Amino acid sequence: GSTSSADSVKGRFTISRDNAKNTVYLQMNSLKPEDTAV
């Protein structure tokens, strides 16, 4: 459950995982144009 993130997204993005569902999520808030990417 430990996490790390890039400085550019700290405080805005949150990563989480559901091991039972084999799923990882990325909650992205306060999005900026600089976040545009694949």
PDB file of all heavy atoms in Angstrom:
ATOM      1  N   GLY A   1       0.774  -1.224   0.000  1.00  0.00           N
ATOM      2  CA  GLY A   1       0.000   0.000   0.000  1.00  0.00           C
ATOM      3  C   GLY A   1       0.805   1.274   0.000  1.00  0.00           C
ATOM      4  O   GLY A   1       0.221   2.365  -0.102  1.00  0.00           O
ATOM      5  N   SER A   2       2.103   1.186   0.123  1.00  0.00           N
ATOM      6  CA  SER A   2       2.930   2.382   0.102  1.00  0.00           C
ATOM      7  C   SER A   2       2.936   2.992  -1.292  1.00  0.00           C
ATOM      8  O   SER A   2       2.911   2.275  -2.294  1.00  0.00           O
ATOM      9  CB  SER A   2       4.350   2.068   0.557  1.00  0.00           C
ATOM     10  OG  SER A   2       4.962   1.117  -0.295  1.00  0.00           O
ATOM     11  N   THR A   3       2.981   4.303  -1.351  1.00  0.00           N
ATOM     12  CA  THR A   3       2.877   5.004  -2.624  1.00  0.00           C
ATOM     13  C   THR A   3       4.003   5.996  -2.812  1.00  0.00           C
ATOM     14  O   THR A   3       4.644   6.438  -1.855  1.00  0.00           O
ATOM     15  CB  THR A   3       1.544   5.756  -2.738  1.00  0.00           C
ATOM     16  OG1 THR A   3       1.469   6.758  -1.720  1.00  0.00           O
ATOM     17  CG2 THR A   3       0.369   4.802  -2.584  1.00  0.00           C
ATOM     18  N   SER A   4       4.234   6.343  -4.048  1.00  0.00           N
ATOM     19  CA  SER A   4       5.136   7.413  -4.406  1.00  0.00           C
ATOM     20  C   SER A   4       4.558   8.113  -5.622  1.00  0.00           C
ATOM     21  O   SER A   4       3.795   7.518  -6.382  1.00  0.00           O
ATOM     22  CB  SER A   4       6.546   6.894  -4.697  1.00  0.00           C
ATOM     23  OG  SER A   4       6.556   6.042  -5.830  1.00  0.00           O
ATOM     24  N   SER A   5       4.921   9.360  -5.808  1.00  0.00           N
ATOM     25  CA  SER A   5       4.391  10.112  -6.933  1.00  0.00           C
ATOM     26  C   SER A   5       5.376  11.187  -7.355  1.00  0.00           C
ATOM     27  O   SER A   5       6.245  11.601  -6.580  1.00  0.00           O
ATOM     28  CB  SER A   5       3.034  10.737  -6.588  1.00  0.00           C
ATOM     29  OG  SER A   5       3.150  11.640  -5.502  1.00  0.00           O
ATOM     30  N   ALA A   6       5.215  11.626  -8.578  1.00  0.00           N
ATOM     31  CA  ALA A   6       6.054  12.694  -9.089  1.00  0.00           C
ATOM     32  C   ALA A   6       5.709  14.008  -8.400  1.00  0.00           C
ATOM     33  O   ALA A   6       4.564  14.247  -8.015  1.00  0.00           O
ATOM     34  CB  ALA A   6       5.867  12.827 -10.592  1.00  0.00           C
ATOM     35  N   ASP A   7       6.709  14.873  -8.269  1.00  0.00           N
ATOM     36  CA  ASP A   7       6.483  16.161  -7.620  1.00  0.00           C
ATOM     37  C   ASP A   7       5.405  16.976  -8.326  1.00  0.00           C
ATOM     38  O   ASP A   7       4.656  17.719  -7.683  1.00  0.00           O
ATOM     39  CB  ASP A   7       7.784  16.966  -7.579  1.00  0.00           C
ATOM     40  CG  ASP A   7       8.798  16.394  -6.612  1.00  0.00           C
ATOM     41  OD1 ASP A   7       8.408  15.616  -5.717  1.00  0.00           O
ATOM     42  OD2 ASP A   7       9.990  16.730  -6.744  1.00  0.00           O
ATOM     43  N   SER A   8       5.309  16.823  -9.626  1.00  0.00           N
ATOM     44  CA  SER A   8       4.374  17.612 -10.403  1.00  0.00           C
ATOM     45  C   SER A   8       2.909  17.276 -10.116  1.00  0.00           C
ATOM     46  O   SER A   8       2.021  18.064 -10.453  1.00  0.00           O
ATOM     47  CB  SER A   8       4.646  17.440 -11.902  1.00  0.00           C
ATOM     48  OG  SER A   8       4.524  16.087 -12.289  1.00  0.00           O
ATOM     49  N   VAL A   9       2.654  16.114  -9.504  1.00  0.00           N
ATOM     50  CA  VAL A   9       1.274  15.715  -9.244  1.00  0.00           C
ATOM     51  C   VAL A   9       0.963  15.562  -7.767  1.00  0.00           C
ATOM     52  O   VAL A   9      -0.185  15.258  -7.403  1.00  0.00           O
ATOM     53  CB  VAL A   9       0.919  14.405  -9.976  1.00  0.00           C
ATOM     54  CG1 VAL A   9       1.212  14.529 -11.462  1.00  0.00           C
ATOM     55  CG2 VAL A   9       1.657  13.215  -9.374  1.00  0.00           C
ATOM     56  N   LYS A  10       1.945  15.769  -6.909  1.00  0.00           N
ATOM     57  CA  LYS A  10       1.725  15.638  -5.473  1.00  0.00           C
ATOM     58  C   LYS A  10       0.631  16.589  -5.004  1.00  0.00           C
ATOM     59  O   LYS A  10       0.609  17.761  -5.358  1.00  0.00           O
ATOM     60  CB  LYS A  10       3.017  15.908  -4.699  1.00  0.00           C
ATOM     61  CG  LYS A  10       4.046  14.806  -4.806  1.00  0.00           C
ATOM     62  CD  LYS A  10       5.249  15.099  -3.917  1.00  0.00           C
ATOM     63  CE  LYS A  10       6.344  14.055  -4.098  1.00  0.00           C
ATOM     64  NZ  LYS A  10       5.899  12.699  -3.737  1.00  0.00           N
ATOM     65  N   GLY A  11      -0.266  16.058  -4.204  1.00  0.00           N
ATOM     66  CA  GLY A  11      -1.372  16.845  -3.703  1.00  0.00           C
ATOM     67  C   GLY A  11      -2.564  16.907  -4.625  1.00  0.00           C
ATOM     68  O   GLY A  11      -3.635  17.376  -4.218  1.00  0.00           O
ATOM     69  N   ARG A  12      -2.403  16.439  -5.854  1.00  0.00           N
ATOM     70  CA  ARG A  12      -3.491  16.470  -6.821  1.00  0.00           C
ATOM     71  C   ARG A  12      -3.934  15.081  -7.265  1.00  0.00           C
ATOM     72  O   ARG A  12      -5.124  14.849  -7.479  1.00  0.00           O
ATOM     73  CB  ARG A  12      -3.090  17.280  -8.052  1.00  0.00           C
ATOM     74  CG  ARG A  12      -2.730  18.731  -7.755  1.00  0.00           C
ATOM     75  CD  ARG A  12      -2.518  19.529  -9.042  1.00  0.00           C
ATOM     76  NE  ARG A  12      -1.412  18.992  -9.841  1.00  0.00           N
ATOM     77  CZ  ARG A  12      -1.548  18.537 -11.082  1.00  0.00           C
ATOM     78  NH1 ARG A  12      -2.734  18.543 -11.678  1.00  0.00           N
ATOM     79  NH2 ARG A  12      -0.483  18.092 -11.749  1.00  0.00           N
ATOM     80  N   PHE A  13      -2.980  14.178  -7.421  1.00  0.00           N
ATOM     81  CA  PHE A  13      -3.275  12.820  -7.880  1.00  0.00           C
ATOM     82  C   PHE A  13      -3.120  11.838  -6.731  1.00  0.00           C
ATOM     83  O   PHE A  13      -2.213  11.970  -5.906  1.00  0.00           O
ATOM     84  CB  PHE A  13      -2.323  12.392  -8.997  1.00  0.00           C
ATOM     85  CG  PHE A  13      -2.477  13.133 -10.295  1.00  0.00           C
ATOM     86  CD1 PHE A  13      -3.290  14.244 -10.410  1.00  0.00           C
ATOM     87  CD2 PHE A  13      -1.791  12.689 -11.412  1.00  0.00           C
ATOM     88  CE1 PHE A  13      -3.430  14.926 -11.602  1.00  0.00           C
ATOM     89  CE2 PHE A  13      -1.921  13.355 -12.623  1.00  0.00           C
ATOM     90  CZ  PHE A  13      -2.737  14.476 -12.717  1.00  0.00           C
ATOM     91  N   THR A  14      -3.971  10.829  -6.717  1.00  0.00           N
ATOM     92  CA  THR A  14      -3.900   9.780  -5.711  1.00  0.00           C
ATOM     93  C   THR A  14      -3.993   8.420  -6.385  1.00  0.00           C
ATOM     94  O   THR A  14      -4.935   8.164  -7.129  1.00  0.00           O
ATOM     95  CB  THR A  14      -5.034   9.913  -4.677  1.00  0.00           C
ATOM     96  OG1 THR A  14      -4.963  11.187  -4.039  1.00  0.00           O
ATOM     97  CG2 THR A  14      -4.907   8.819  -3.618  1.00  0.00           C
ATOM     98  N   ILE A  15      -3.029   7.563  -6.112  1.00  0.00           N
ATOM     99  CA  ILE A  15      -3.046   6.213  -6.650  1.00  0.00           C
ATOM    100  C   ILE A  15      -3.554   5.249  -5.585  1.00  0.00           C
ATOM    101  O   ILE A  15      -3.270   5.414  -4.398  1.00  0.00           O
ATOM    102  CB  ILE A  15      -1.648   5.790  -7.153  1.00  0.00           C
ATOM    103  CG1 ILE A  15      -1.719   4.471  -7.919  1.00  0.00           C
ATOM    104  CG2 ILE A  15      -0.648   5.718  -6.005  1.00  0.00           C
ATOM    105  CD1 ILE A  15      -0.427   4.122  -8.650  1.00  0.00           C
ATOM    106  N   SER A  16      -4.311   4.255  -6.005  1.00  0.00           N
ATOM    107  CA  SER A  16      -4.812   3.245  -5.095  1.00  0.00           C
ATOM    108  C   SER A  16      -4.947   1.935  -5.848  1.00  0.00           C
ATOM    109  O   SER A  16      -4.890   1.903  -7.082  1.00  0.00           O
ATOM    110  CB  SER A  16      -6.162   3.659  -4.485  1.00  0.00           C
ATOM    111  OG  SER A  16      -7.145   3.833  -5.486  1.00  0.00           O
ATOM    112  N   ARG A  17      -5.119   0.856  -5.115  1.00  0.00           N
ATOM    113  CA  ARG A  17      -5.259  -0.450  -5.751  1.00  0.00           C
ATOM    114  C   ARG A  17      -6.247  -1.305  -4.982  1.00  0.00           C
ATOM    115  O   ARG A  17      -6.398  -1.172  -3.760  1.00  0.00           O
ATOM    116  CB  ARG A  17      -3.909  -1.170  -5.872  1.00  0.00           C
ATOM    117  CG  ARG A  17      -3.255  -1.520  -4.541  1.00  0.00           C
ATOM    118  CD  ARG A  17      -1.810  -1.984  -4.730  1.00  0.00           C
ATOM    119  NE  ARG A  17      -1.725  -3.334  -5.267  1.00  0.00           N
ATOM    120  CZ  ARG A  17      -0.585  -3.924  -5.629  1.00  0.00           C
ATOM    121  NH1 ARG A  17       0.570  -3.256  -5.552  1.00  0.00           N
ATOM    122  NH2 ARG A  17      -0.593  -5.166  -6.091  1.00  0.00           N
ATOM    123  N   ASP A  18      -6.907  -2.174  -5.715  1.00  0.00           N
ATOM    124  CA  ASP A  18      -7.815  -3.152  -5.148  1.00  0.00           C
ATOM    125  C   ASP A  18      -7.263  -4.506  -5.545  1.00  0.00           C
ATOM    126  O   ASP A  18      -7.442  -4.950  -6.681  1.00  0.00           O
ATOM    127  CB  ASP A  18      -9.234  -2.950  -5.678  1.00  0.00           C
ATOM    128  CG  ASP A  18     -10.245  -3.865  -5.017  1.00  0.00           C
ATOM    129  OD1 ASP A  18      -9.856  -4.956  -4.539  1.00  0.00           O
ATOM    130  OD2 ASP A  18     -11.431  -3.505  -4.973  1.00  0.00           O
ATOM    131  N   ASN A  19      -6.578  -5.147  -4.623  1.00  0.00           N
ATOM    132  CA  ASN A  19      -5.915  -6.400  -4.942  1.00  0.00           C
ATOM    133  C   ASN A  19      -6.900  -7.509  -5.306  1.00  0.00           C
ATOM    134  O   ASN A  19      -6.600  -8.365  -6.139  1.00  0.00           O
ATOM    135  CB  ASN A  19      -5.048  -6.842  -3.766  1.00  0.00           C
ATOM    136  CG  ASN A  19      -3.855  -5.935  -3.557  1.00  0.00           C
ATOM    137  OD1 ASN A  19      -3.312  -5.360  -4.504  1.00  0.00           O
ATOM    138  ND2 ASN A  19      -3.436  -5.802  -2.306  1.00  0.00           N
ATOM    139  N   ALA A  20      -8.065  -7.496  -4.687  1.00  0.00           N
ATOM    140  CA  ALA A  20      -9.061  -8.514  -4.979  1.00  0.00           C
ATOM    141  C   ALA A  20      -9.562  -8.420  -6.412  1.00  0.00           C
ATOM    142  O   ALA A  20      -9.952  -9.425  -7.009  1.00  0.00           O
ATOM    143  CB  ALA A  20     -10.229  -8.412  -4.002  1.00  0.00           C
ATOM    144  N   LYS A  21      -9.568  -7.223  -6.956  1.00  0.00           N
ATOM    145  CA  LYS A  21     -10.042  -7.004  -8.317  1.00  0.00           C
ATOM    146  C   LYS A  21      -8.917  -6.846  -9.320  1.00  0.00           C
ATOM    147  O   LYS A  21      -9.173  -6.619 -10.499  1.00  0.00           O
ATOM    148  CB  LYS A  21     -10.942  -5.769  -8.366  1.00  0.00           C
ATOM    149  CG  LYS A  21     -12.203  -5.869  -7.526  1.00  0.00           C
ATOM    150  CD  LYS A  21     -13.044  -4.616  -7.666  1.00  0.00           C
ATOM    151  CE  LYS A  21     -14.296  -4.690  -6.806  1.00  0.00           C
ATOM    152  NZ  LYS A  21     -15.201  -5.781  -7.242  1.00  0.00           N
ATOM    153  N   ASN A  22      -7.671  -6.948  -8.849  1.00  0.00           N
ATOM    154  CA  ASN A  22      -6.510  -6.743  -9.716  1.00  0.00           C
ATOM    155  C   ASN A  22      -6.629  -5.441 -10.500  1.00  0.00           C
ATOM    156  O   ASN A  22      -6.424  -5.402 -11.719  1.00  0.00           O
ATOM    157  CB  ASN A  22      -6.328  -7.923 -10.671  1.00  0.00           C
ATOM    158  CG  ASN A  22      -5.795  -9.156  -9.980  1.00  0.00           C
ATOM    159  OD1 ASN A  22      -5.113  -9.073  -8.966  1.00  0.00           O
ATOM    160  ND2 ASN A  22      -6.111 -10.316 -10.536  1.00  0.00           N
ATOM    161  N   THR A  23      -6.940  -4.387  -9.778  1.00  0.00           N
ATOM    162  CA  THR A  23      -7.196  -3.099 -10.402  1.00  0.00           C
ATOM    163  C   THR A  23      -6.415  -2.003  -9.691  1.00  0.00           C
ATOM    164  O   THR A  23      -6.318  -1.994  -8.462  1.00  0.00           O
ATOM    165  CB  THR A  23      -8.694  -2.768 -10.372  1.00  0.00           C
ATOM    166  OG1 THR A  23      -9.420  -3.791 -11.059  1.00  0.00           O
ATOM    167  CG2 THR A  23      -8.965  -1.435 -11.059  1.00  0.00           C
ATOM    168  N   VAL A  24      -5.869  -1.090 -10.467  1.00  0.00           N
ATOM    169  CA  VAL A  24      -5.206   0.088  -9.934  1.00  0.00           C
ATOM    170  C   VAL A  24      -5.923   1.317 -10.468  1.00  0.00           C
ATOM    171  O   VAL A  24      -6.363   1.341 -11.620  1.00  0.00           O
ATOM    172  CB  VAL A  24      -3.707   0.105 -10.290  1.00  0.00           C
ATOM    173  CG1 VAL A  24      -3.487   0.121 -11.794  1.00  0.00           C
ATOM    174  CG2 VAL A  24      -3.008   1.284  -9.628  1.00  0.00           C
ATOM    175  N   TYR A  25      -6.034   2.330  -9.618  1.00  0.00           N
ATOM    176  CA  TYR A  25      -6.745   3.548  -9.964  1.00  0.00           C
ATOM    177  C   TYR A  25      -5.824   4.750  -9.848  1.00  0.00           C
ATOM    178  O   TYR A  25      -4.846   4.747  -9.097  1.00  0.00           O
ATOM    179  CB  TYR A  25      -7.941   3.768  -9.033  1.00  0.00           C
ATOM    180  CG  TYR A  25      -8.896   2.605  -8.956  1.00  0.00           C
ATOM    181  CD1 TYR A  25      -8.763   1.641  -7.961  1.00  0.00           C
ATOM    182  CD2 TYR A  25      -9.936   2.473  -9.865  1.00  0.00           C
ATOM    183  CE1 TYR A  25      -9.643   0.575  -7.879  1.00  0.00           C
ATOM    184  CE2 TYR A  25     -10.815   1.409  -9.794  1.00  0.00           C
ATOM    185  CZ  TYR A  25     -10.670   0.466  -8.802  1.00  0.00           C
ATOM    186  OH  TYR A  25     -11.542  -0.593  -8.727  1.00  0.00           O
ATOM    187  N   LEU A  26      -6.159   5.776 -10.575  1.00  0.00           N
ATOM    188  CA  LEU A  26      -5.494   7.062 -10.440  1.00  0.00           C
ATOM    189  C   LEU A  26      -6.567   8.139 -10.408  1.00  0.00           C
ATOM    190  O   LEU A  26      -7.193   8.430 -11.433  1.00  0.00           O
ATOM    191  CB  LEU A  26      -4.516   7.322 -11.583  1.00  0.00           C
ATOM    192  CG  LEU A  26      -3.689   8.599 -11.457  1.00  0.00           C
ATOM    193  CD1 LEU A  26      -2.699   8.474 -10.296  1.00  0.00           C
ATOM    194  CD2 LEU A  26      -2.940   8.894 -12.760  1.00  0.00           C
ATOM    195  N   GLN A  27      -6.778   8.706  -9.230  1.00  0.00           N
ATOM    196  CA  GLN A  27      -7.710   9.813  -9.079  1.00  0.00           C
ATOM    197  C   GLN A  27      -6.959  11.101  -9.347  1.00  0.00           C
ATOM    198  O   GLN A  27      -5.991  11.414  -8.651  1.00  0.00           O
ATOM    199  CB  GLN A  27      -8.309   9.830  -7.674  1.00  0.00           C
ATOM    200  CG  GLN A  27      -9.277  10.985  -7.427  1.00  0.00           C
ATOM    201  CD  GLN A  27     -10.526  10.890  -8.263  1.00  0.00           C
ATOM    202  OE1 GLN A  27     -11.146   9.833  -8.334  1.00  0.00           O
ATOM    203  NE2 GLN A  27     -10.898  11.980  -8.917  1.00  0.00           N
ATOM    204  N   MET A  28      -7.388  11.844 -10.343  1.00  0.00           N
ATOM    205  CA  MET A  28      -6.711  13.061 -10.758  1.00  0.00           C
ATOM    206  C   MET A  28      -7.629  14.248 -10.515  1.00  0.00           C
ATOM    207  O   MET A  28      -8.700  14.356 -11.116  1.00  0.00           O
ATOM    208  CB  MET A  28      -6.315  12.988 -12.235  1.00  0.00           C
ATOM    209  CG  MET A  28      -5.454  11.782 -12.579  1.00  0.00           C
ATOM    210  SD  MET A  28      -4.870  11.805 -14.305  1.00  0.00           S
ATOM    211  CE  MET A  28      -6.436  11.577 -15.159  1.00  0.00           C
ATOM    212  N   ASN A  29      -7.202  15.129  -9.635  1.00  0.00           N
ATOM    213  CA  ASN A  29      -7.952  16.334  -9.311  1.00  0.00           C
ATOM    214  C   ASN A  29      -7.145  17.564  -9.692  1.00  0.00           C
ATOM    215  O   ASN A  29      -5.937  17.497  -9.893  1.00  0.00           O
ATOM    216  CB  ASN A  29      -8.284  16.374  -7.821  1.00  0.00           C
ATOM    217  CG  ASN A  29      -9.142  15.219  -7.362  1.00  0.00           C
ATOM    218  OD1 ASN A  29     -10.012  14.750  -8.092  1.00  0.00           O
ATOM    219  ND2 ASN A  29      -8.922  14.760  -6.134  1.00  0.00           N
ATOM    220  N   SER A  30      -7.824  18.683  -9.760  1.00  0.00           N
ATOM    221  CA  SER A  30      -7.178  19.955 -10.088  1.00  0.00           C
ATOM    222  C   SER A  30      -6.303  19.831 -11.323  1.00  0.00           C
ATOM    223  O   SER A  30      -5.148  20.264 -11.345  1.00  0.00           O
ATOM    224  CB  SER A  30      -6.348  20.445  -8.894  1.00  0.00           C
ATOM    225  OG  SER A  30      -7.152  20.613  -7.744  1.00  0.00           O
ATOM    226  N   LEU A  31      -6.857  19.254 -12.350  1.00  0.00           N
ATOM    227  CA  LEU A  31      -6.092  18.988 -13.562  1.00  0.00           C
ATOM    228  C   LEU A  31      -5.655  20.274 -14.248  1.00  0.00           C
ATOM    229  O   LEU A  31      -6.380  21.268 -14.264  1.00  0.00           O
ATOM    230  CB  LEU A  31      -6.905  18.133 -14.518  1.00  0.00           C
ATOM    231  CG  LEU A  31      -6.967  16.649 -14.142  1.00  0.00           C
ATOM    232  CD1 LEU A  31      -8.121  15.959 -14.844  1.00  0.00           C
ATOM    233  CD2 LEU A  31      -5.647  15.963 -14.492  1.00  0.00           C
ATOM    234  N   LYS A  32      -4.463  20.216 -14.818  1.00  0.00           N
ATOM    235  CA  LYS A  32      -3.859  21.332 -15.518  1.00  0.00           C
ATOM    236  C   LYS A  32      -3.612  20.945 -16.972  1.00  0.00           C
ATOM    237  O   LYS A  32      -3.484  19.763 -17.291  1.00  0.00           O
ATOM    238  CB  LYS A  32      -2.523  21.714 -14.872  1.00  0.00           C
ATOM    239  CG  LYS A  32      -2.594  22.018 -13.388  1.00  0.00           C
ATOM    240  CD  LYS A  32      -1.199  22.252 -12.829  1.00  0.00           C
ATOM    241  CE  LYS A  32      -1.236  22.537 -11.345  1.00  0.00           C
ATOM    242  NZ  LYS A  32       0.131  22.734 -10.794  1.00  0.00           N
ATOM    243  N   PRO A  33      -3.519  21.923 -17.865  1.00  0.00           N
ATOM    244  CA  PRO A  33      -3.187  21.593 -19.255  1.00  0.00           C
ATOM    245  C   PRO A  33      -1.887  20.792 -19.381  1.00  0.00           C
ATOM    246  O   PRO A  33      -1.774  19.966 -20.295  1.00  0.00           O
ATOM    247  CB  PRO A  33      -3.058  22.971 -19.917  1.00  0.00           C
ATOM    248  CG  PRO A  33      -3.977  23.836 -19.125  1.00  0.00           C
ATOM    249  CD  PRO A  33      -3.843  23.348 -17.704  1.00  0.00           C
ATOM    250  N   GLU A  34      -0.948  21.027 -18.483  1.00  0.00           N
ATOM    251  CA  GLU A  34       0.312  20.306 -18.504  1.00  0.00           C
ATOM    252  C   GLU A  34       0.155  18.816 -18.217  1.00  0.00           C
ATOM    253  O   GLU A  34       1.082  18.041 -18.444  1.00  0.00           O
ATOM    254  CB  GLU A  34       1.293  20.901 -17.483  1.00  0.00           C
ATOM    255  CG  GLU A  34       1.549  22.389 -17.654  1.00  0.00           C
ATOM    256  CD  GLU A  34       0.536  23.226 -16.906  1.00  0.00           C
ATOM    257  OE1 GLU A  34       0.742  23.455 -15.691  1.00  0.00           O
ATOM    258  OE2 GLU A  34      -0.451  23.666 -17.535  1.00  0.00           O
ATOM    259  N   ASP A  35      -1.000  18.412 -17.709  1.00  0.00           N
ATOM    260  CA  ASP A  35      -1.259  16.999 -17.452  1.00  0.00           C
ATOM    261  C   ASP A  35      -1.692  16.253 -18.709  1.00  0.00           C
ATOM    262  O   ASP A  35      -1.842  15.024 -18.672  1.00  0.00           O
ATOM    263  CB  ASP A  35      -2.340  16.842 -16.384  1.00  0.00           C
ATOM    264  CG  ASP A  35      -1.922  17.397 -15.037  1.00  0.00           C
ATOM    265  OD1 ASP A  35      -0.760  17.179 -14.637  1.00  0.00           O
ATOM    266  OD2 ASP A  35      -2.765  18.052 -14.390  1.00  0.00           O
ATOM    267  N   THR A  36      -1.912  16.960 -19.789  1.00  0.00           N
ATOM    268  CA  THR A  36      -2.337  16.330 -21.036  1.00  0.00           C
ATOM    269  C   THR A  36      -1.281  15.350 -21.517  1.00  0.00           C
ATOM    270  O   THR A  36      -0.117  15.711 -21.701  1.00  0.00           O
ATOM    271  CB  THR A  36      -2.605  17.381 -22.111  1.00  0.00           C
ATOM    272  OG1 THR A  36      -3.690  18.220 -21.705  1.00  0.00           O
ATOM    273  CG2 THR A  36      -2.952  16.726 -23.442  1.00  0.00           C
ATOM    274  N   ALA A  37      -1.684  14.105 -21.722  1.00  0.00           N
ATOM    275  CA  ALA A  37      -0.760  13.054 -22.130  1.00  0.00           C
ATOM    276  C   ALA A  37      -1.536  11.759 -22.316  1.00  0.00           C
ATOM    277  O   ALA A  37      -2.715  11.665 -21.964  1.00  0.00           O
ATOM    278  CB  ALA A  37       0.339  12.852 -21.078  1.00  0.00           C
ATOM    279  N   VAL A  38      -0.855  10.777 -22.863  1.00  0.00           N
ATOM    280  CA  VAL A  38      -1.368   9.416 -22.835  1.00  0.00           C
ATOM    281  C   VAL A  38      -0.884   8.778 -21.548  1.00  0.00           C
ATOM    282  O   VAL A  38       0.317   8.793 -21.258  1.00  0.00           O
ATOM    283  CB  VAL A  38      -0.901   8.593 -24.051  1.00  0.00           C
ATOM    284  CG1 VAL A  38      -1.395   7.159 -23.945  1.00  0.00           C
ATOM    285  CG2 VAL A  38      -1.396   9.232 -25.341  1.00  0.00           C
TER     286      VAL A  38
END
